Amino acid sequence: MSEPESFMSSDRSEPVQENREVDVASGAADVTAIDVVIRNRRAQPFFGRHPWVFAGAVDHVKGAMPDQIPPGTVVRLINSEGRFIAWGLYNSKSRIVVRLYSWRPDLLLTSDFWQPLIQQAVASRRSLFQLDDSRTACRLIFSESDGLSGLTVDLYAGYLLVQFTSLALFQHREPILTALQAELHPKGIWLRTEKGMREAEGLDVVDGLIAGQEPPRPLFIEEHGVRYGVDVQQGQKTGCYLDQRDNRLAASRYLKGLDVLDAFCFSGGFGITAAKFGGAASVLGIDSSESALVLAKANAELNGVADRCRWKKDDVRPALEGMAGQGRTFDAVILDPPRMARTRGGTDRAVTGYSRLNQLAVEILKPGGILVTCSCSGLVTRAEFQEMLGEVARVTGRDIQILENRGQPSDHPVSVTCPETEYLKVMICRVN
């Protein structure tokens, strides 16, 4: 997550009102909100509804020592002239010291605040998916894009997978979970935590059952006619890369009769879709996770393509280097690596990593071959990723044509006021 660019303060703001006394648990008026004052030259992104306030943008906190404010405390963001900007939740343990949720002075962060946001997010997914179908899997709440910074909720076959990436919002989990249950009546709710959240947020929680039944291992979902067994308790992310749903199908259209290498294959999504719908002649899937490959093999059998799929446990980069050294080639290579940049300081290293992987992929591609290359690093922009491919073309001496420039599906919407929510880049290329 990167700090938005600094701008001069906007005049389009509400006059600050007297401190409202708000009890975040009940909505009763008995707790005074704390004012967080933003430096004028850093205020514009927040008037523009960007939800992340980094420590460097804060001038001071009125009437309290910042380190003594409990995580999850409701605060009012104002500029140096005292103009109201937004209501947010405070966490001194995070680089994002305030996450913003309401830009209306009269719309306070009481326990009743969260339910309409959840209803709105669920309603938008109901227009896209049959949420009551036992085969459906989709993202129900996508953090900042749904106005709920620090919360991700996925639906898998009637079960909810809930992931908090904000300690401040985690303190308000009870009304959020109550609203989710009221809207969806799930079979069970399972809490998943993301690696690194303890260090980034001070969030120290353990995965486990929150309500209802424990999800089976595996449970089964279906996308575009492909069935998958998913381990939502132990699998990567919340169990499956739902954001690649449409890209798996799109890529398969280019792979008829081809020998395909599916690198970072996880549970086999790209390769199995290529074999079942694309008519790929063969698939070799490589991943470093033994448990993921067990699922991939079972999923290939489930979809009747096991005779055309092989799975190999290995680290992808040395595996590609070995193939290049041996002169082994493929008709198509799919690269879907995990996120490589978690901070702005890591973006150069991430671009270097993507460059090396794609160079190796191009080296083992036959002339006229298909390269499906992906990045889920939100801090690496689409322009930077495409420039990386241009450098790969220069270094390898191969012509690379982008046939499709794709992104994330509609259940992972992009917020126009938080461009970091556009994170997924998928480029389907021909390499001559």
Protein backbone atom coordinates (compact mmCIF):
# COMPACT_ATOMS: atom_id res chain seq x y z
CA MET A 1 0.00 0.00 0.00
CA SER A 2 1.42 3.31 -0.98
CA GLU A 3 0.72 6.73 0.41
CA PRO A 4 -1.28 8.91 -1.98
CA GLU A 5 0.47 11.88 -3.55
CA SER A 6 0.36 15.10 -1.57
CA PHE A 7 -1.83 17.96 -2.78
CA MET A 8 -2.88 21.32 -1.51
CA SER A 9 -5.97 21.40 0.67
CA SER A 10 -9.37 21.54 -1.04
CA ASP A 11 -12.01 24.15 -0.29
CA ARG A 12 -14.75 21.63 -1.05
CA SER A 13 -15.35 20.51 2.49
CA GLU A 14 -17.93 20.68 5.24
CA PRO A 15 -17.46 23.16 8.09
CA VAL A 16 -16.37 21.34 11.20
CA GLN A 17 -19.10 20.77 13.76
CA GLU A 18 -18.74 20.60 17.50
CA ASN A 19 -17.43 17.29 18.78
CA ARG A 20 -20.21 14.72 18.68
CA GLU A 21 -20.19 12.22 21.53
CA VAL A 22 -20.49 8.75 20.07
CA ASP A 23 -20.51 5.28 21.59
CA VAL A 24 -19.26 3.03 18.78
CA ALA A 25 -20.90 -0.01 20.32
CA SER A 26 -24.44 1.27 20.82
CA GLY A 27 -24.68 4.61 19.08
CA ALA A 28 -25.42 6.32 22.38
CA ALA A 29 -23.94 9.79 22.90
CA ASP A 30 -21.46 9.33 25.71
CA VAL A 31 -17.94 9.14 24.22
CA THR A 32 -16.20 12.17 22.75
CA ALA A 33 -14.69 11.61 19.30
CA ILE A 34 -11.00 12.46 18.89
CA ASP A 35 -9.88 14.92 16.21
CA VAL A 36 -6.97 13.94 13.97
CA VAL A 37 -5.57 16.99 12.18
CA ILE A 38 -4.12 16.54 8.68
CA ARG A 39 -1.37 18.72 7.26
CA ASN A 40 -2.94 21.04 4.69
CA ARG A 41 -0.58 20.02 1.91
CA ARG A 42 -1.49 16.35 2.49
CA ALA A 43 -5.27 16.74 2.77
CA GLN A 44 -6.45 16.60 -0.83
CA PRO A 45 -6.54 12.78 -1.27
CA PHE A 46 -8.80 12.46 1.77
CA PHE A 47 -11.18 15.18 0.59
CA GLY A 48 -11.13 13.08 -2.59
CA ARG A 49 -12.31 10.04 -0.57
CA HIS A 50 -9.11 8.03 -0.48
CA PRO A 51 -9.50 5.83 2.62
CA TRP A 52 -5.89 5.46 3.83
CA VAL A 53 -4.32 8.07 6.11
CA PHE A 54 -0.62 7.37 6.61
CA ALA A 55 1.29 8.60 9.62
CA GLY A 56 3.24 11.15 7.59
CA ALA A 57 0.04 12.98 6.65
CA VAL A 58 -0.96 13.63 10.28
CA ASP A 59 0.00 16.96 11.84
CA HIS A 60 -1.24 16.18 15.34
CA VAL A 61 -4.01 14.58 17.37
CA LYS A 62 -6.10 16.87 19.56
CA GLY A 63 -6.42 16.09 23.24
CA ALA A 64 -4.71 12.69 23.26
CA MET A 65 -1.33 11.01 22.98
CA PRO A 66 -1.44 9.06 19.68
CA ASP A 67 0.16 5.93 21.14
CA GLN A 68 -2.41 5.85 23.93
CA ILE A 69 -5.47 5.81 21.66
CA PRO A 70 -6.89 2.25 21.61
CA PRO A 71 -6.98 0.60 18.16
CA GLY A 72 -10.44 0.91 16.63
CA THR A 73 -11.23 4.25 18.29
CA VAL A 74 -13.54 6.42 16.18
CA VAL A 75 -11.78 9.63 15.14
CA ARG A 76 -12.76 12.68 13.13
CA LEU A 77 -10.35 13.76 10.39
CA ILE A 78 -10.04 17.53 9.92
CA ASN A 79 -7.63 19.84 8.14
CA SER A 80 -5.54 22.55 9.76
CA GLU A 81 -8.38 25.07 9.38
CA GLY A 82 -10.73 22.76 11.23
CA ARG A 83 -12.76 21.70 8.20
CA PHE A 84 -14.38 18.28 8.45
CA ILE A 85 -13.02 15.60 6.10
CA ALA A 86 -14.25 12.21 7.27
CA TRP A 87 -14.90 9.77 10.12
CA GLY A 88 -12.40 6.97 10.54
CA LEU A 89 -10.93 4.31 12.81
CA TYR A 90 -7.54 4.81 14.48
CA ASN A 91 -4.63 2.39 14.86
CA SER A 92 -1.26 3.73 15.96
CA LYS A 93 0.31 0.29 15.35
CA SER A 94 -0.22 0.54 11.59
CA ARG A 95 1.38 2.68 8.86
CA ILE A 96 -2.23 3.42 7.93
CA VAL A 97 -3.02 5.18 11.18
CA VAL A 98 -6.58 6.07 10.16
CA ARG A 99 -8.90 4.21 7.80
CA LEU A 100 -11.77 6.34 6.56
CA TYR A 101 -15.35 5.13 6.14
CA SER A 102 -17.77 8.09 6.21
CA TRP A 103 -17.40 11.48 4.52
CA ARG A 104 -20.67 12.82 5.92
CA PRO A 105 -20.48 14.72 9.22
CA ASP A 106 -23.88 13.33 10.26
CA LEU A 107 -23.13 9.70 9.33
CA LEU A 108 -21.27 8.41 12.38
CA LEU A 109 -19.45 5.11 12.82
CA THR A 110 -21.94 3.58 15.24
CA SER A 111 -22.78 -0.11 15.32
CA ASP A 112 -25.59 0.58 12.83
CA PHE A 113 -23.22 2.09 10.28
CA TRP A 114 -21.85 -1.17 8.88
CA GLN A 115 -25.04 -2.99 7.94
CA PRO A 116 -26.05 -0.82 4.93
CA LEU A 117 -22.56 -1.17 3.45
CA ILE A 118 -22.75 -4.94 3.78
CA GLN A 119 -26.26 -5.02 2.33
CA GLN A 120 -25.12 -2.95 -0.65
CA ALA A 121 -22.10 -5.20 -1.32
CA VAL A 122 -24.15 -8.39 -1.09
CA ALA A 123 -26.90 -6.95 -3.31
CA SER A 124 -24.37 -6.18 -6.04
CA ARG A 125 -23.12 -9.78 -5.97
CA ARG A 126 -26.67 -11.13 -6.05
CA SER A 127 -27.02 -9.39 -9.41
CA LEU A 128 -24.00 -11.36 -10.68
CA PHE A 129 -24.20 -14.76 -8.99
CA GLN A 130 -26.72 -17.22 -7.61
CA LEU A 131 -25.57 -16.87 -4.01
CA ASP A 132 -27.91 -19.60 -2.78
CA ASP A 133 -26.50 -22.17 -5.21
CA SER A 134 -24.36 -24.76 -3.40
CA ARG A 135 -21.75 -24.56 -6.20
CA THR A 136 -21.21 -20.79 -6.15
CA ALA A 137 -17.99 -19.12 -5.08
CA CYS A 138 -17.41 -15.37 -5.30
CA ARG A 139 -16.06 -12.36 -3.44
CA LEU A 140 -18.82 -10.70 -1.45
CA ILE A 141 -16.87 -7.81 0.09
CA PHE A 142 -13.73 -6.39 -1.44
CA SER A 143 -12.34 -4.09 1.23
CA GLU A 144 -11.89 -0.48 0.04
CA SER A 145 -13.93 -1.07 -3.13
CA ASP A 146 -17.00 -1.77 -0.99
CA GLY A 147 -16.33 0.99 1.53
CA LEU A 148 -15.06 -1.47 4.14
CA SER A 149 -11.32 -0.91 4.21
CA GLY A 150 -9.63 -3.85 5.91
CA LEU A 151 -12.36 -6.48 5.31
CA THR A 152 -12.54 -9.24 2.71
CA VAL A 153 -15.39 -11.77 2.63
CA ASP A 154 -15.61 -14.68 0.21
CA LEU A 155 -18.51 -17.08 -0.30
CA TYR A 156 -17.75 -20.74 -0.95
CA ALA A 157 -20.70 -23.10 -1.40
CA GLY A 158 -22.72 -21.56 1.41
CA TYR A 159 -19.78 -20.87 3.76
CA LEU A 160 -18.24 -17.47 4.43
CA LEU A 161 -14.50 -16.91 4.64
CA VAL A 162 -13.83 -13.67 6.53
CA GLN A 163 -10.44 -11.96 6.49
CA PHE A 164 -9.58 -8.80 8.44
CA THR A 165 -6.49 -6.87 7.37
CA SER A 166 -7.13 -4.01 9.81
CA LEU A 167 -6.83 -4.27 13.58
CA ALA A 168 -9.00 -1.14 13.89
CA LEU A 169 -11.87 -2.67 11.93
CA PHE A 170 -11.43 -6.00 13.72
CA GLN A 171 -12.46 -4.23 16.92
CA HIS A 172 -15.87 -3.62 15.28
CA ARG A 173 -16.31 -7.20 14.07
CA GLU A 174 -19.44 -8.05 16.08
CA PRO A 175 -21.92 -5.80 14.21
CA ILE A 176 -20.20 -6.73 10.94
CA LEU A 177 -20.54 -10.46 11.55
CA THR A 178 -24.14 -10.00 12.72
CA ALA A 179 -24.96 -8.17 9.49
CA LEU A 180 -23.31 -10.91 7.38
CA GLN A 181 -25.35 -13.59 9.11
CA ALA A 182 -28.57 -11.62 8.68
CA GLU A 183 -27.95 -11.09 4.96
CA LEU A 184 -26.71 -14.54 3.96
CA HIS A 185 -27.62 -17.12 6.65
CA PRO A 186 -24.39 -19.03 5.93
CA LYS A 187 -23.77 -22.63 6.94
CA GLY A 188 -20.69 -21.41 8.76
CA ILE A 189 -18.24 -18.51 9.04
CA TRP A 190 -14.51 -19.22 9.11
CA LEU A 191 -11.87 -16.61 9.98
CA ARG A 192 -8.73 -16.51 7.83
CA THR A 193 -5.70 -14.32 8.52
CA GLU A 194 -3.19 -13.00 6.02
CA LYS A 195 0.50 -13.51 6.50
CA GLY A 196 2.26 -10.47 7.91
CA MET A 197 -0.79 -8.84 9.52
CA ARG A 198 0.66 -9.12 13.01
CA GLU A 199 3.67 -7.08 11.96
CA ALA A 200 1.74 -4.65 9.73
CA GLU A 201 -1.30 -4.04 11.94
CA GLY A 202 -0.66 -5.54 15.35
CA LEU A 203 -3.43 -8.00 14.48
CA ASP A 204 -2.80 -11.21 16.39
CA VAL A 205 -5.67 -13.60 15.68
CA VAL A 206 -5.89 -17.31 14.94
CA ASP A 207 -7.77 -18.90 12.05
CA GLY A 208 -10.88 -20.71 13.13
CA LEU A 209 -14.62 -21.11 13.26
CA ILE A 210 -16.59 -17.98 14.15
CA ALA A 211 -20.14 -19.28 13.75
CA GLY A 212 -22.10 -22.26 12.47
CA GLN A 213 -20.54 -25.37 10.97
CA GLU A 214 -16.90 -25.91 10.17
CA PRO A 215 -16.38 -25.96 6.38
CA PRO A 216 -15.49 -29.41 4.99
CA ARG A 217 -12.04 -30.13 3.58
CA PRO A 218 -12.39 -30.00 0.69
CA LEU A 219 -15.65 -28.36 -0.22
CA PHE A 220 -16.68 -28.20 -3.86
CA ILE A 221 -17.41 -25.21 -6.09
CA GLU A 222 -17.98 -24.71 -9.80
CA GLU A 223 -16.91 -21.96 -12.19
CA HIS A 224 -17.70 -21.90 -15.91
CA GLY A 225 -18.50 -25.61 -15.73
CA VAL A 226 -15.20 -26.58 -14.07
CA ARG A 227 -15.53 -28.21 -10.65
CA TYR A 228 -12.95 -27.65 -7.93
CA GLY A 229 -12.28 -29.10 -4.54
CA VAL A 230 -11.15 -26.22 -2.32
CA ASP A 231 -9.46 -26.25 1.09
CA VAL A 232 -10.74 -23.01 2.60
CA GLN A 233 -9.15 -23.76 5.97
CA GLN A 234 -5.56 -24.24 4.83
CA GLY A 235 -5.39 -23.26 1.15
CA GLN A 236 -3.67 -20.10 -0.05
CA LYS A 237 -5.56 -16.81 0.35
CA THR A 238 -9.10 -17.85 1.33
CA GLY A 239 -8.82 -21.17 -0.48
CA CYS A 240 -8.96 -20.33 -4.18
CA TYR A 241 -7.94 -17.52 -6.53
CA LEU A 242 -11.45 -16.37 -7.36
CA ASP A 243 -10.10 -13.28 -9.12
CA GLN A 244 -8.77 -15.42 -12.00
CA ARG A 245 -12.15 -17.00 -12.76
CA ASP A 246 -12.76 -15.24 -16.10
CA ASN A 247 -9.07 -15.14 -17.05
CA ARG A 248 -8.77 -18.92 -16.81
CA LEU A 249 -11.58 -19.28 -19.36
CA ALA A 250 -10.21 -16.52 -21.61
CA ALA A 251 -6.73 -18.03 -21.70
CA SER A 252 -8.07 -21.50 -22.50
CA ARG A 253 -9.41 -20.25 -25.85
CA TYR A 254 -5.84 -19.85 -27.13
CA LEU A 255 -4.57 -23.26 -26.02
CA LYS A 256 -6.31 -25.81 -28.24
CA GLY A 257 -4.00 -28.70 -29.07
CA LEU A 258 -1.04 -27.12 -27.27
CA ASP A 259 1.45 -28.47 -24.74
CA VAL A 260 1.03 -26.14 -21.75
CA LEU A 261 3.26 -25.36 -18.77
CA ASP A 262 1.20 -24.04 -15.85
CA ALA A 263 3.71 -22.43 -13.46
CA PHE A 264 2.61 -21.56 -9.92
CA CYS A 265 -0.34 -23.82 -10.72
CA PHE A 266 -1.74 -23.98 -7.14
CA SER A 267 -4.80 -26.28 -7.35
CA GLY A 268 -4.71 -26.47 -11.14
CA GLY A 269 -7.19 -23.79 -12.23
CA PHE A 270 -5.52 -22.51 -15.40
CA GLY A 271 -4.25 -25.91 -16.54
CA ILE A 272 -7.46 -27.84 -15.92
CA THR A 273 -9.56 -25.17 -17.65
CA ALA A 274 -7.12 -25.28 -20.58
CA ALA A 275 -7.52 -29.05 -20.85
CA LYS A 276 -11.30 -29.19 -20.33
CA PHE A 277 -12.46 -26.20 -22.37
CA GLY A 278 -9.45 -25.17 -24.39
CA GLY A 279 -8.64 -28.65 -25.59
CA ALA A 280 -4.98 -28.44 -24.56
CA ALA A 281 -3.05 -31.52 -25.59
CA SER A 282 -1.11 -31.71 -22.32
CA VAL A 283 -0.57 -29.77 -19.10
CA LEU A 284 2.42 -29.79 -16.79
CA GLY A 285 1.66 -27.99 -13.53
CA ILE A 286 4.45 -26.86 -11.20
CA ASP A 287 4.05 -25.59 -7.65
CA SER A 288 6.11 -25.65 -4.47
CA SER A 289 3.12 -26.67 -2.30
CA GLU A 290 2.56 -30.40 -1.91
CA SER A 291 -0.98 -29.87 -0.58
CA ALA A 292 -1.87 -27.67 -3.56
CA LEU A 293 -0.68 -30.36 -5.96
CA VAL A 294 -2.75 -33.01 -4.18
CA LEU A 295 -5.80 -30.83 -4.83
CA ALA A 296 -4.71 -30.19 -8.43
CA LYS A 297 -4.46 -33.91 -9.14
CA ALA A 298 -7.86 -34.57 -7.56
CA ASN A 299 -9.40 -31.65 -9.49
CA ALA A 300 -8.04 -32.99 -12.78
CA GLU A 301 -9.65 -36.36 -12.02
CA LEU A 302 -12.90 -34.64 -11.00
CA ASN A 303 -13.05 -32.93 -14.40
CA GLY A 304 -12.03 -35.94 -16.49
CA VAL A 305 -8.71 -34.54 -17.73
CA ALA A 306 -6.26 -36.45 -15.51
CA ASP A 307 -4.85 -38.31 -18.55
CA ARG A 308 -3.60 -35.00 -19.98
CA CYS A 309 -2.32 -33.40 -16.75
CA ARG A 310 0.87 -34.01 -14.79
CA TRP A 311 1.89 -32.24 -11.59
CA LYS A 312 5.38 -31.60 -10.28
CA LYS A 313 6.53 -30.23 -6.92
CA ASP A 314 9.31 -27.72 -7.47
CA ASP A 315 10.28 -24.08 -7.03
CA VAL A 316 9.24 -22.43 -10.27
CA ARG A 317 12.26 -20.26 -11.01
CA PRO A 318 14.93 -23.00 -10.73
CA ALA A 319 12.58 -25.35 -12.58
CA LEU A 320 12.35 -22.88 -15.48
CA GLU A 321 16.11 -22.35 -15.42
CA GLY A 322 16.60 -26.12 -15.64
CA MET A 323 14.22 -26.43 -18.59
CA ALA A 324 15.90 -23.54 -20.39
CA GLY A 325 19.30 -25.14 -19.80
CA GLN A 326 18.06 -28.45 -21.21
CA GLY A 327 16.48 -26.83 -24.26
CA ARG A 328 13.00 -28.01 -23.32
CA THR A 329 10.16 -26.07 -24.97
CA PHE A 330 6.39 -25.65 -24.70
CA ASP A 331 3.64 -24.27 -26.92
CA ALA A 332 2.28 -22.16 -24.04
CA VAL A 333 3.46 -20.99 -20.63
CA ILE A 334 1.22 -19.63 -17.87
CA LEU A 335 2.85 -17.56 -15.09
CA ASP A 336 0.66 -16.69 -12.10
CA PRO A 337 3.11 -15.99 -9.25
CA PRO A 338 2.15 -14.82 -5.76
CA ARG A 339 2.31 -11.15 -4.86
CA MET A 340 5.87 -9.86 -5.08
CA ALA A 341 5.53 -6.33 -3.64
CA ARG A 342 3.91 -5.57 -0.29
CA THR A 343 5.43 -2.09 0.17
CA ARG A 344 6.34 0.70 -2.23
CA GLY A 345 9.99 0.10 -1.40
CA GLY A 346 9.71 -3.42 -2.81
CA THR A 347 8.38 -2.53 -6.25
CA ASP A 348 11.75 -2.35 -8.03
CA ARG A 349 12.67 -5.77 -6.68
CA ALA A 350 9.25 -7.09 -7.75
CA VAL A 351 9.63 -5.80 -11.31
CA THR A 352 13.07 -7.42 -11.47
CA GLY A 353 11.53 -10.70 -10.31
CA TYR A 354 8.76 -10.53 -12.90
CA SER A 355 11.33 -9.74 -15.58
CA ARG A 356 13.46 -12.76 -14.78
CA LEU A 357 10.47 -15.12 -14.67
CA ASN A 358 9.12 -13.86 -17.98
CA GLN A 359 12.53 -14.04 -19.64
CA LEU A 360 12.77 -17.69 -18.64
CA ALA A 361 9.23 -18.35 -19.87
CA VAL A 362 10.02 -16.77 -23.25
CA GLU A 363 13.21 -18.83 -23.53
CA ILE A 364 11.23 -22.08 -23.29
CA LEU A 365 8.41 -20.94 -25.61
CA LYS A 366 8.31 -22.15 -29.19
CA PRO A 367 8.00 -19.46 -31.89
CA GLY A 368 4.38 -18.37 -32.08
CA GLY A 369 3.77 -19.66 -28.56
CA ILE A 370 1.31 -18.26 -26.04
CA LEU A 371 2.44 -16.55 -22.84
CA VAL A 372 -0.16 -15.86 -20.14
CA THR A 373 1.58 -13.67 -17.60
CA CYS A 374 0.02 -12.31 -14.42
CA SER A 375 0.77 -9.94 -11.55
CA CYS A 376 -1.34 -9.56 -8.42
CA SER A 377 1.01 -6.93 -6.95
CA GLY A 378 -1.16 -3.84 -6.67
CA LEU A 379 1.87 -1.60 -6.20
CA VAL A 380 3.19 -2.61 -9.64
CA THR A 381 1.09 -0.66 -12.12
CA ARG A 382 -0.25 -1.99 -15.40
CA ALA A 383 2.07 0.40 -17.24
CA GLU A 384 5.09 -0.85 -15.27
CA PHE A 385 4.14 -4.47 -15.94
CA GLN A 386 3.81 -3.83 -19.67
CA GLU A 387 7.12 -1.94 -19.71
CA MET A 388 8.67 -5.00 -18.05
CA LEU A 389 7.41 -7.15 -20.94
CA GLY A 390 8.94 -4.66 -23.37
CA GLU A 391 12.30 -5.11 -21.66
CA VAL A 392 11.88 -8.91 -21.84
CA ALA A 393 11.30 -8.61 -25.59
CA ARG A 394 14.46 -6.51 -25.94
CA VAL A 395 16.64 -8.84 -23.85
CA THR A 396 15.42 -12.07 -25.47
CA GLY A 397 15.21 -10.71 -29.02
CA ARG A 398 11.66 -12.05 -29.36
CA ASP A 399 8.59 -10.15 -30.54
CA ILE A 400 5.80 -10.09 -27.93
CA GLN A 401 2.25 -9.17 -28.95
CA ILE A 402 -0.40 -8.55 -26.29
CA LEU A 403 -3.58 -10.24 -27.51
CA GLU A 404 -5.66 -9.47 -24.42
CA ASN A 405 -4.93 -7.06 -21.56
CA ARG A 406 -7.13 -8.25 -18.72
CA GLY A 407 -7.77 -7.64 -15.03
CA GLN A 408 -10.01 -8.64 -12.16
CA PRO A 409 -13.68 -9.71 -12.41
CA SER A 410 -16.77 -7.76 -11.41
CA ASP A 411 -16.93 -9.20 -7.89
CA HIS A 412 -13.53 -7.52 -7.35
CA PRO A 413 -14.56 -3.98 -8.39
CA VAL A 414 -12.14 -1.07 -8.62
CA SER A 415 -12.77 2.04 -6.54
CA VAL A 416 -12.04 5.15 -8.60
CA THR A 417 -11.03 7.01 -5.41
CA CYS A 418 -8.62 4.23 -4.34
CA PRO A 419 -6.68 3.23 -7.47
CA GLU A 420 -4.72 0.66 -5.46
CA THR A 421 -7.80 -1.58 -5.67
CA GLU A 422 -6.91 -2.23 -9.32
CA TYR A 423 -4.28 -4.83 -8.58
CA LEU A 424 -4.60 -7.75 -11.02
CA LYS A 425 -2.85 -7.63 -14.40
CA VAL A 426 -3.22 -10.54 -16.84
CA MET A 427 -1.70 -10.28 -20.32
CA ILE A 428 -2.32 -12.99 -22.89
CA CYS A 429 0.53 -12.70 -25.41
CA ARG A 430 1.87 -14.28 -28.56
CA VAL A 431 5.65 -14.66 -28.61
CA ASN A 432 7.24 -14.87 -32.06
